[in-house]
Amino acid sequence: MKIGDKVVGYLNGRRIGALGTITGDYNFDETILPPPYSRVRRVRWDHKFFDGFYITHISIDTLRTIRQGQTVVEQDKNEYEEIEKEVLST
């Protein structure tokens, strides 16, 4: 990941909590979470969905990498754009 990359904050199931942009370099901060979860990057959350946005129209192929329990999942630009389009069209 690098500054400017787009990120999706996933919740359980097929729900999205937020869409954002990485704004800071990799950091290690034990004041946020204890090790080994102390690795952080600053993110500007551009769109937040407090109850979670339930994905209904995106193909299962696009969501293939989303697995419960993962906090970071690589997606290509097309996958992100498909998610962003659905989320922002409602």
PDB file of N, CA and C in Angstrom:
ATOM      1  N   MET A   1       0.846  -1.179   0.000  1.00  0.00           N
ATOM      2  CA  MET A   1       0.000   0.000   0.000  1.00  0.00           C
ATOM      3  C   MET A   1       0.884   1.232   0.000  1.00  0.00           C
ATOM      4  N   LYS A   2       0.338   2.290  -0.602  1.00  0.00           N
ATOM      5  CA  LYS A   2       1.070   3.541  -0.614  1.00  0.00           C
ATOM      6  C   LYS A   2       0.081   4.704  -0.505  1.00  0.00           C
ATOM      7  N   ILE A   3       0.612   5.871  -0.178  1.00  0.00           N
ATOM      8  CA  ILE A   3      -0.226   7.064  -0.071  1.00  0.00           C
ATOM      9  C   ILE A   3      -0.962   7.272  -1.391  1.00  0.00           C
ATOM     10  N   GLY A   4      -2.258   7.547  -1.286  1.00  0.00           N
ATOM     11  CA  GLY A   4      -3.101   7.747  -2.460  1.00  0.00           C
ATOM     12  C   GLY A   4      -3.902   6.522  -2.853  1.00  0.00           C
ATOM     13  N   ASP A   5      -3.519   5.344  -2.372  1.00  0.00           N
ATOM     14  CA  ASP A   5      -4.285   4.126  -2.664  1.00  0.00           C
ATOM     15  C   ASP A   5      -5.662   4.209  -2.028  1.00  0.00           C
ATOM     16  N   LYS A   6      -6.648   3.660  -2.713  1.00  0.00           N
ATOM     17  CA  LYS A   6      -8.018   3.604  -2.209  1.00  0.00           C
ATOM     18  C   LYS A   6      -8.184   2.349  -1.364  1.00  0.00           C
ATOM     19  N   VAL A   7      -8.983   2.455  -0.291  1.00  0.00           N
ATOM     20  CA  VAL A   7      -9.214   1.320   0.594  1.00  0.00           C
ATOM     21  C   VAL A   7     -10.699   1.194   0.900  1.00  0.00           C
ATOM     22  N   VAL A   8     -11.090  -0.038   1.221  1.00  0.00           N
ATOM     23  CA  VAL A   8     -12.464  -0.341   1.601  1.00  0.00           C
ATOM     24  C   VAL A   8     -12.417  -0.923   3.003  1.00  0.00           C
ATOM     25  N   GLY A   9     -13.197  -0.358   3.912  1.00  0.00           N
ATOM     26  CA  GLY A   9     -13.309  -0.906   5.256  1.00  0.00           C
ATOM     27  C   GLY A   9     -14.474  -1.884   5.282  1.00  0.00           C
ATOM     28  N   TYR A  10     -14.143  -3.181   5.385  1.00  0.00           N
ATOM     29  CA  TYR A  10     -15.162  -4.216   5.347  1.00  0.00           C
ATOM     30  C   TYR A  10     -15.669  -4.562   6.736  1.00  0.00           C
ATOM     31  N   LEU A  11     -16.937  -4.917   6.803  1.00  0.00           N
ATOM     32  CA  LEU A  11     -17.566  -5.438   8.008  1.00  0.00           C
ATOM     33  C   LEU A  11     -17.879  -6.906   7.741  1.00  0.00           C
ATOM     34  N   ASN A  12     -18.487  -7.577   8.685  1.00  0.00           N
ATOM     35  CA  ASN A  12     -18.861  -8.981   8.483  1.00  0.00           C
ATOM     36  C   ASN A  12     -19.843  -9.118   7.335  1.00  0.00           C
ATOM     37  N   GLY A  13     -19.778 -10.260   6.701  1.00  0.00           N
ATOM     38  CA  GLY A  13     -20.702 -10.542   5.608  1.00  0.00           C
ATOM     39  C   GLY A  13     -20.351  -9.737   4.378  1.00  0.00           C
ATOM     40  N   ARG A  14     -21.358  -9.302   3.665  1.00  0.00           N
ATOM     41  CA  ARG A  14     -21.151  -8.518   2.446  1.00  0.00           C
ATOM     42  C   ARG A  14     -21.415  -7.045   2.709  1.00  0.00           C
ATOM     43  N   ARG A  15     -20.932  -6.550   3.842  1.00  0.00           N
ATOM     44  CA  ARG A  15     -21.181  -5.154   4.194  1.00  0.00           C
ATOM     45  C   ARG A  15     -19.891  -4.334   4.187  1.00  0.00           C
ATOM     46  N   ILE A  16     -20.032  -3.086   3.762  1.00  0.00           N
ATOM     47  CA  ILE A  16     -18.926  -2.137   3.738  1.00  0.00           C
ATOM     48  C   ILE A  16     -19.182  -1.086   4.799  1.00  0.00           C
ATOM     49  N   GLY A  17     -18.146  -0.774   5.571  1.00  0.00           N
ATOM     50  CA  GLY A  17     -18.254   0.250   6.598  1.00  0.00           C
ATOM     51  C   GLY A  17     -17.807   1.615   6.120  1.00  0.00           C
ATOM     52  N   ALA A  18     -16.846   1.649   5.175  1.00  0.00           N
ATOM     53  CA  ALA A  18     -16.338   2.930   4.701  1.00  0.00           C
ATOM     54  C   ALA A  18     -15.474   2.745   3.459  1.00  0.00           C
ATOM     55  N   LEU A  19     -15.347   3.834   2.703  1.00  0.00           N
ATOM     56  CA  LEU A  19     -14.414   3.929   1.580  1.00  0.00           C
ATOM     57  C   LEU A  19     -13.443   5.047   1.917  1.00  0.00           C
ATOM     58  N   GLY A  20     -12.155   4.824   1.669  1.00  0.00           N
ATOM     59  CA  GLY A  20     -11.193   5.844   2.041  1.00  0.00           C
ATOM     60  C   GLY A  20      -9.968   5.869   1.152  1.00  0.00           C
ATOM     61  N   THR A  21      -9.048   6.768   1.522  1.00  0.00           N
ATOM     62  CA  THR A  21      -7.804   6.962   0.801  1.00  0.00           C
ATOM     63  C   THR A  21      -6.664   6.978   1.808  1.00  0.00           C
ATOM     64  N   ILE A  22      -5.599   6.237   1.531  1.00  0.00           N
ATOM     65  CA  ILE A  22      -4.434   6.228   2.416  1.00  0.00           C
ATOM     66  C   ILE A  22      -3.746   7.584   2.318  1.00  0.00           C
ATOM     67  N   THR A  23      -3.500   8.206   3.478  1.00  0.00           N
ATOM     68  CA  THR A  23      -2.895   9.537   3.504  1.00  0.00           C
ATOM     69  C   THR A  23      -1.562   9.574   4.251  1.00  0.00           C
ATOM     70  N   GLY A  24      -1.141   8.445   4.833  1.00  0.00           N
ATOM     71  CA  GLY A  24       0.103   8.446   5.592  1.00  0.00           C
ATOM     72  C   GLY A  24       0.927   7.203   5.371  1.00  0.00           C
ATOM     73  N   ASP A  25       2.201   7.323   5.697  1.00  0.00           N
ATOM     74  CA  ASP A  25       3.113   6.192   5.578  1.00  0.00           C
ATOM     75  C   ASP A  25       2.848   5.159   6.662  1.00  0.00           C
ATOM     76  N   TYR A  26       3.413   3.976   6.465  1.00  0.00           N
ATOM     77  CA  TYR A  26       3.340   2.883   7.432  1.00  0.00           C
ATOM     78  C   TYR A  26       3.911   3.365   8.760  1.00  0.00           C
ATOM     79  N   ASN A  27       3.269   2.972   9.857  1.00  0.00           N
ATOM     80  CA  ASN A  27       3.678   3.382  11.189  1.00  0.00           C
ATOM     81  C   ASN A  27       3.446   2.238  12.162  1.00  0.00           C
ATOM     82  N   PHE A  28       4.136   2.267  13.264  1.00  0.00           N
ATOM     83  CA  PHE A  28       3.936   1.290  14.340  1.00  0.00           C
ATOM     84  C   PHE A  28       3.527   2.081  15.564  1.00  0.00           C
ATOM     85  N   ASP A  29       2.296   1.866  16.073  1.00  0.00           N
ATOM     86  CA  ASP A  29       1.772   2.670  17.175  1.00  0.00           C
ATOM     87  C   ASP A  29       1.074   1.773  18.186  1.00  0.00           C
ATOM     88  N   GLU A  30       1.762   1.476  19.282  1.00  0.00           N
ATOM     89  CA  GLU A  30       1.193   0.615  20.324  1.00  0.00           C
ATOM     90  C   GLU A  30       0.125   1.324  21.155  1.00  0.00           C
ATOM     91  N   THR A  31      -0.043   2.634  20.983  1.00  0.00           N
ATOM     92  CA  THR A  31      -1.087   3.344  21.730  1.00  0.00           C
ATOM     93  C   THR A  31      -2.465   3.111  21.120  1.00  0.00           C
ATOM     94  N   ILE A  32      -2.498   2.664  19.872  1.00  0.00           N
ATOM     95  CA  ILE A  32      -3.776   2.392  19.208  1.00  0.00           C
ATOM     96  C   ILE A  32      -4.238   0.975  19.521  1.00  0.00           C
ATOM     97  N   LEU A  33      -3.380  -0.002  19.255  1.00  0.00           N
ATOM     98  CA  LEU A  33      -3.653  -1.411  19.527  1.00  0.00           C
ATOM     99  C   LEU A  33      -2.361  -2.085  19.961  1.00  0.00           C
ATOM    100  N   PRO A  34      -2.462  -3.128  20.778  1.00  0.00           N
ATOM    101  CA  PRO A  34      -1.246  -3.822  21.202  1.00  0.00           C
ATOM    102  C   PRO A  34      -0.655  -4.655  20.060  1.00  0.00           C
ATOM    103  N   PRO A  35       0.662  -4.947  20.138  1.00  0.00           N
ATOM    104  CA  PRO A  35       1.274  -5.820  19.132  1.00  0.00           C
ATOM    105  C   PRO A  35       0.557  -7.163  19.106  1.00  0.00           C
ATOM    106  N   PRO A  36       0.417  -7.831  18.023  1.00  0.00           N
ATOM    107  CA  PRO A  36       0.994  -7.522  16.716  1.00  0.00           C
ATOM    108  C   PRO A  36       0.085  -6.660  15.847  1.00  0.00           C
ATOM    109  N   TYR A  37      -0.915  -6.016  16.433  1.00  0.00           N
ATOM    110  CA  TYR A  37      -1.893  -5.235  15.666  1.00  0.00           C
ATOM    111  C   TYR A  37      -1.556  -3.750  15.622  1.00  0.00           C
ATOM    112  N   SER A  38      -0.346  -3.387  15.944  1.00  0.00           N
ATOM    113  CA  SER A  38       0.057  -1.989  16.075  1.00  0.00           C
ATOM    114  C   SER A  38       0.512  -1.356  14.766  1.00  0.00           C
ATOM    115  N   ARG A  39       0.472  -2.091  13.683  1.00  0.00           N
ATOM    116  CA  ARG A  39       0.890  -1.543  12.388  1.00  0.00           C
ATOM    117  C   ARG A  39      -0.277  -0.759  11.793  1.00  0.00           C
ATOM    118  N   VAL A  40      -0.047   0.509  11.510  1.00  0.00           N
ATOM    119  CA  VAL A  40      -1.132   1.375  11.067  1.00  0.00           C
ATOM    120  C   VAL A  40      -0.690   2.262   9.900  1.00  0.00           C
ATOM    121  N   ARG A  41      -1.664   2.768   9.201  1.00  0.00           N
ATOM    122  CA  ARG A  41      -1.495   3.815   8.197  1.00  0.00           C
ATOM    123  C   ARG A  41      -2.640   4.795   8.388  1.00  0.00           C
ATOM    124  N   ARG A  42      -2.360   6.058   8.208  1.00  0.00           N
ATOM    125  CA  ARG A  42      -3.418   7.075   8.303  1.00  0.00           C
ATOM    126  C   ARG A  42      -4.301   6.959   7.064  1.00  0.00           C
ATOM    127  N   VAL A  43      -5.618   6.991   7.295  1.00  0.00           N
ATOM    128  CA  VAL A  43      -6.605   6.892   6.210  1.00  0.00           C
ATOM    129  C   VAL A  43      -7.618   8.020   6.352  1.00  0.00           C
ATOM    130  N   ARG A  44      -7.930   8.676   5.255  1.00  0.00           N
ATOM    131  CA  ARG A  44      -9.034   9.645   5.219  1.00  0.00           C
ATOM    132  C   ARG A  44     -10.268   8.865   4.759  1.00  0.00           C
ATOM    133  N   TRP A  45     -11.260   8.769   5.626  1.00  0.00           N
ATOM    134  CA  TRP A  45     -12.470   8.034   5.286  1.00  0.00           C
ATOM    135  C   TRP A  45     -13.385   8.971   4.511  1.00  0.00           C
ATOM    136  N   ASP A  46     -13.458   8.767   3.200  1.00  0.00           N
ATOM    137  CA  ASP A  46     -14.209   9.641   2.308  1.00  0.00           C
ATOM    138  C   ASP A  46     -15.712   9.423   2.397  1.00  0.00           C
ATOM    139  N   HIS A  47     -16.128   8.200   2.637  1.00  0.00           N
ATOM    140  CA  HIS A  47     -17.552   7.860   2.735  1.00  0.00           C
ATOM    141  C   HIS A  47     -17.716   6.846   3.855  1.00  0.00           C
ATOM    142  N   LYS A  48     -18.541   7.168   4.874  1.00  0.00           N
ATOM    143  CA  LYS A  48     -18.767   6.265   6.000  1.00  0.00           C
ATOM    144  C   LYS A  48     -20.216   5.791   5.991  1.00  0.00           C
ATOM    145  N   PHE A  49     -20.398   4.520   6.335  1.00  0.00           N
ATOM    146  CA  PHE A  49     -21.732   3.915   6.381  1.00  0.00           C
ATOM    147  C   PHE A  49     -21.884   3.301   7.764  1.00  0.00           C
ATOM    148  N   PHE A  50     -22.496   4.038   8.678  1.00  0.00           N
ATOM    149  CA  PHE A  50     -22.511   3.657  10.082  1.00  0.00           C
ATOM    150  C   PHE A  50     -23.222   2.338  10.346  1.00  0.00           C
ATOM    151  N   ASP A  51     -24.216   2.009   9.548  1.00  0.00           N
ATOM    152  CA  ASP A  51     -24.897   0.725   9.700  1.00  0.00           C
ATOM    153  C   ASP A  51     -24.341  -0.314   8.734  1.00  0.00           C
ATOM    154  N   GLY A  52     -23.373   0.080   7.957  1.00  0.00           N
ATOM    155  CA  GLY A  52     -22.814  -0.816   6.952  1.00  0.00           C
ATOM    156  C   GLY A  52     -23.648  -0.774   5.690  1.00  0.00           C
ATOM    157  N   PHE A  53     -22.990  -0.782   4.553  1.00  0.00           N
ATOM    158  CA  PHE A  53     -23.669  -0.822   3.266  1.00  0.00           C
ATOM    159  C   PHE A  53     -23.643  -2.256   2.787  1.00  0.00           C
ATOM    160  N   TYR A  54     -24.805  -2.844   2.615  1.00  0.00           N
ATOM    161  CA  TYR A  54     -24.891  -4.242   2.207  1.00  0.00           C
ATOM    162  C   TYR A  54     -24.787  -4.328   0.689  1.00  0.00           C
ATOM    163  N   ILE A  55     -23.792  -5.043   0.208  1.00  0.00           N
ATOM    164  CA  ILE A  55     -23.559  -5.184  -1.228  1.00  0.00           C
ATOM    165  C   ILE A  55     -24.514  -6.229  -1.799  1.00  0.00           C
ATOM    166  N   THR A  56     -25.277  -5.827  -2.799  1.00  0.00           N
ATOM    167  CA  THR A  56     -26.242  -6.753  -3.387  1.00  0.00           C
ATOM    168  C   THR A  56     -25.987  -7.014  -4.866  1.00  0.00           C
ATOM    169  N   HIS A  57     -25.458  -6.042  -5.585  1.00  0.00           N
ATOM    170  CA  HIS A  57     -25.366  -6.158  -7.034  1.00  0.00           C
ATOM    171  C   HIS A  57     -23.983  -6.505  -7.548  1.00  0.00           C
ATOM    172  N   ILE A  58     -22.993  -6.556  -6.685  1.00  0.00           N
ATOM    173  CA  ILE A  58     -21.640  -6.842  -7.122  1.00  0.00           C
ATOM    174  C   ILE A  58     -21.455  -8.346  -7.251  1.00  0.00           C
ATOM    175  N   SER A  59     -20.776  -8.745  -8.314  1.00  0.00           N
ATOM    176  CA  SER A  59     -20.610 -10.176  -8.568  1.00  0.00           C
ATOM    177  C   SER A  59     -19.772 -10.839  -7.483  1.00  0.00           C
ATOM    178  N   ILE A  60     -20.007 -12.108  -7.281  1.00  0.00           N
ATOM    179  CA  ILE A  60     -19.247 -12.875  -6.296  1.00  0.00           C
ATOM    180  C   ILE A  60     -17.775 -12.929  -6.682  1.00  0.00           C
ATOM    181  N   ASP A  61     -17.461 -12.831  -7.981  1.00  0.00           N
ATOM    182  CA  ASP A  61     -16.060 -12.808  -8.403  1.00  0.00           C
ATOM    183  C   ASP A  61     -15.340 -11.580  -7.860  1.00  0.00           C
ATOM    184  N   THR A  62     -16.030 -10.451  -7.841  1.00  0.00           N
ATOM    185  CA  THR A  62     -15.436  -9.232  -7.309  1.00  0.00           C
ATOM    186  C   THR A  62     -15.168  -9.371  -5.824  1.00  0.00           C
ATOM    187  N   LEU A  63     -16.017 -10.086  -5.135  1.00  0.00           N
ATOM    188  CA  LEU A  63     -15.878 -10.231  -3.684  1.00  0.00           C
ATOM    189  C   LEU A  63     -15.085 -11.460  -3.282  1.00  0.00           C
ATOM    190  N   ARG A  64     -14.478 -12.133  -4.232  1.00  0.00           N
ATOM    191  CA  ARG A  64     -13.808 -13.398  -3.943  1.00  0.00           C
ATOM    192  C   ARG A  64     -12.722 -13.282  -2.894  1.00  0.00           C
ATOM    193  N   THR A  65     -12.084 -12.133  -2.784  1.00  0.00           N
ATOM    194  CA  THR A  65     -10.974 -12.000  -1.848  1.00  0.00           C
ATOM    195  C   THR A  65     -11.419 -11.558  -0.461  1.00  0.00           C
ATOM    196  N   ILE A  66     -12.675 -11.226  -0.314  1.00  0.00           N
ATOM    197  CA  ILE A  66     -13.149 -10.756   0.984  1.00  0.00           C
ATOM    198  C   ILE A  66     -13.489 -11.960   1.845  1.00  0.00           C
ATOM    199  N   ARG A  67     -12.748 -12.120   2.902  1.00  0.00           N
ATOM    200  CA  ARG A  67     -12.972 -13.247   3.808  1.00  0.00           C
ATOM    201  C   ARG A  67     -13.137 -12.715   5.216  1.00  0.00           C
ATOM    202  N   GLN A  68     -14.060 -13.287   5.933  1.00  0.00           N
ATOM    203  CA  GLN A  68     -14.288 -12.859   7.302  1.00  0.00           C
ATOM    204  C   GLN A  68     -12.998 -12.986   8.103  1.00  0.00           C
ATOM    205  N   GLY A  69     -12.690 -11.972   8.879  1.00  0.00           N
ATOM    206  CA  GLY A  69     -11.511 -11.989   9.717  1.00  0.00           C
ATOM    207  C   GLY A  69     -10.311 -11.291   9.104  1.00  0.00           C
ATOM    208  N   GLN A  70     -10.350 -10.993   7.807  1.00  0.00           N
ATOM    209  CA  GLN A  70      -9.239 -10.283   7.187  1.00  0.00           C
ATOM    210  C   GLN A  70      -9.470  -8.790   7.291  1.00  0.00           C
ATOM    211  N   THR A  71      -8.417  -8.047   7.615  1.00  0.00           N
ATOM    212  CA  THR A  71      -8.544  -6.596   7.688  1.00  0.00           C
ATOM    213  C   THR A  71      -7.989  -5.908   6.455  1.00  0.00           C
ATOM    214  N   VAL A  72      -7.085  -6.565   5.754  1.00  0.00           N
ATOM    215  CA  VAL A  72      -6.514  -5.999   4.542  1.00  0.00           C
ATOM    216  C   VAL A  72      -6.651  -7.025   3.427  1.00  0.00           C
ATOM    217  N   VAL A  73      -7.294  -6.606   2.347  1.00  0.00           N
ATOM    218  CA  VAL A  73      -7.517  -7.494   1.218  1.00  0.00           C
ATOM    219  C   VAL A  73      -7.149  -6.733  -0.050  1.00  0.00           C
ATOM    220  N   GLU A  74      -6.253  -7.293  -0.853  1.00  0.00           N
ATOM    221  CA  GLU A  74      -5.871  -6.623  -2.094  1.00  0.00           C
ATOM    222  C   GLU A  74      -6.991  -6.734  -3.117  1.00  0.00           C
ATOM    223  N   GLN A  75      -7.254  -5.614  -3.784  1.00  0.00           N
ATOM    224  CA  GLN A  75      -8.225  -5.589  -4.870  1.00  0.00           C
ATOM    225  C   GLN A  75      -7.637  -4.759  -5.990  1.00  0.00           C
ATOM    226  N   ASP A  76      -8.000  -5.080  -7.221  1.00  0.00           N
ATOM    227  CA  ASP A  76      -7.492  -4.253  -8.306  1.00  0.00           C
ATOM    228  C   ASP A  76      -8.397  -3.043  -8.496  1.00  0.00           C
ATOM    229  N   LYS A  77      -7.962  -2.131  -9.349  1.00  0.00           N
ATOM    230  CA  LYS A  77      -8.675  -0.872  -9.562  1.00  0.00           C
ATOM    231  C   LYS A  77     -10.108  -1.101 -10.028  1.00  0.00           C
ATOM    232  N   ASN A  78     -10.315  -2.075 -10.923  1.00  0.00           N
ATOM    233  CA  ASN A  78     -11.667  -2.350 -11.432  1.00  0.00           C
ATOM    234  C   ASN A  78     -12.597  -2.820 -10.326  1.00  0.00           C
ATOM    235  N   GLU A  79     -12.088  -3.671  -9.424  1.00  0.00           N
ATOM    236  CA  GLU A  79     -12.913  -4.154  -8.310  1.00  0.00           C
ATOM    237  C   GLU A  79     -13.303  -2.990  -7.397  1.00  0.00           C
ATOM    238  N   TYR A  80     -12.350  -2.131  -7.071  1.00  0.00           N
ATOM    239  CA  TYR A  80     -12.660  -0.984  -6.221  1.00  0.00           C
ATOM    240  C   TYR A  80     -13.693  -0.077  -6.899  1.00  0.00           C
ATOM    241  N   GLU A  81     -13.490   0.197  -8.170  1.00  0.00           N
ATOM    242  CA  GLU A  81     -14.419   1.074  -8.885  1.00  0.00           C
ATOM    243  C   GLU A  81     -15.823   0.488  -8.943  1.00  0.00           C
ATOM    244  N   GLU A  82     -15.934  -0.826  -9.079  1.00  0.00           N
ATOM    245  CA  GLU A  82     -17.251  -1.469  -9.094  1.00  0.00           C
ATOM    246  C   GLU A  82     -17.941  -1.306  -7.739  1.00  0.00           C
ATOM    247  N   ILE A  83     -17.177  -1.506  -6.670  1.00  0.00           N
ATOM    248  CA  ILE A  83     -17.731  -1.326  -5.323  1.00  0.00           C
ATOM    249  C   ILE A  83     -18.127   0.125  -5.097  1.00  0.00           C
ATOM    250  N   GLU A  84     -17.239   1.050  -5.439  1.00  0.00           N
ATOM    251  CA  GLU A  84     -17.513   2.479  -5.254  1.00  0.00           C
ATOM    252  C   GLU A  84     -18.762   2.895  -6.024  1.00  0.00           C
ATOM    253  N   LYS A  85     -18.904   2.422  -7.251  1.00  0.00           N
ATOM    254  CA  LYS A  85     -20.068   2.772  -8.082  1.00  0.00           C
ATOM    255  C   LYS A  85     -21.359   2.329  -7.425  1.00  0.00           C
ATOM    256  N   GLU A  86     -21.385   1.084  -6.912  1.00  0.00           N
ATOM    257  CA  GLU A  86     -22.614   0.601  -6.267  1.00  0.00           C
ATOM    258  C   GLU A  86     -22.923   1.378  -5.002  1.00  0.00           C
ATOM    259  N   VAL A  87     -21.917   1.590  -4.178  1.00  0.00           N
ATOM    260  CA  VAL A  87     -22.118   2.250  -2.898  1.00  0.00           C
ATOM    261  C   VAL A  87     -22.592   3.684  -3.081  1.00  0.00           C
ATOM    262  N   LEU A  88     -21.997   4.398  -4.022  1.00  0.00           N
ATOM    263  CA  LEU A  88     -22.320   5.821  -4.196  1.00  0.00           C
ATOM    264  C   LEU A  88     -23.536   6.067  -5.071  1.00  0.00           C
ATOM    265  N   SER A  89     -24.068   5.023  -5.704  1.00  0.00           N
ATOM    266  CA  SER A  89     -25.231   5.203  -6.583  1.00  0.00           C
ATOM    267  C   SER A  89     -26.555   5.179  -5.824  1.00  0.00           C
ATOM    268  N   THR A  90     -26.517   4.839  -4.547  1.00  0.00           N
ATOM    269  CA  THR A  90     -27.776   4.771  -3.797  1.00  0.00           C
ATOM    270  C   THR A  90     -28.047   6.031  -3.017  1.00  0.00           C
TER     271      THR A  90
END
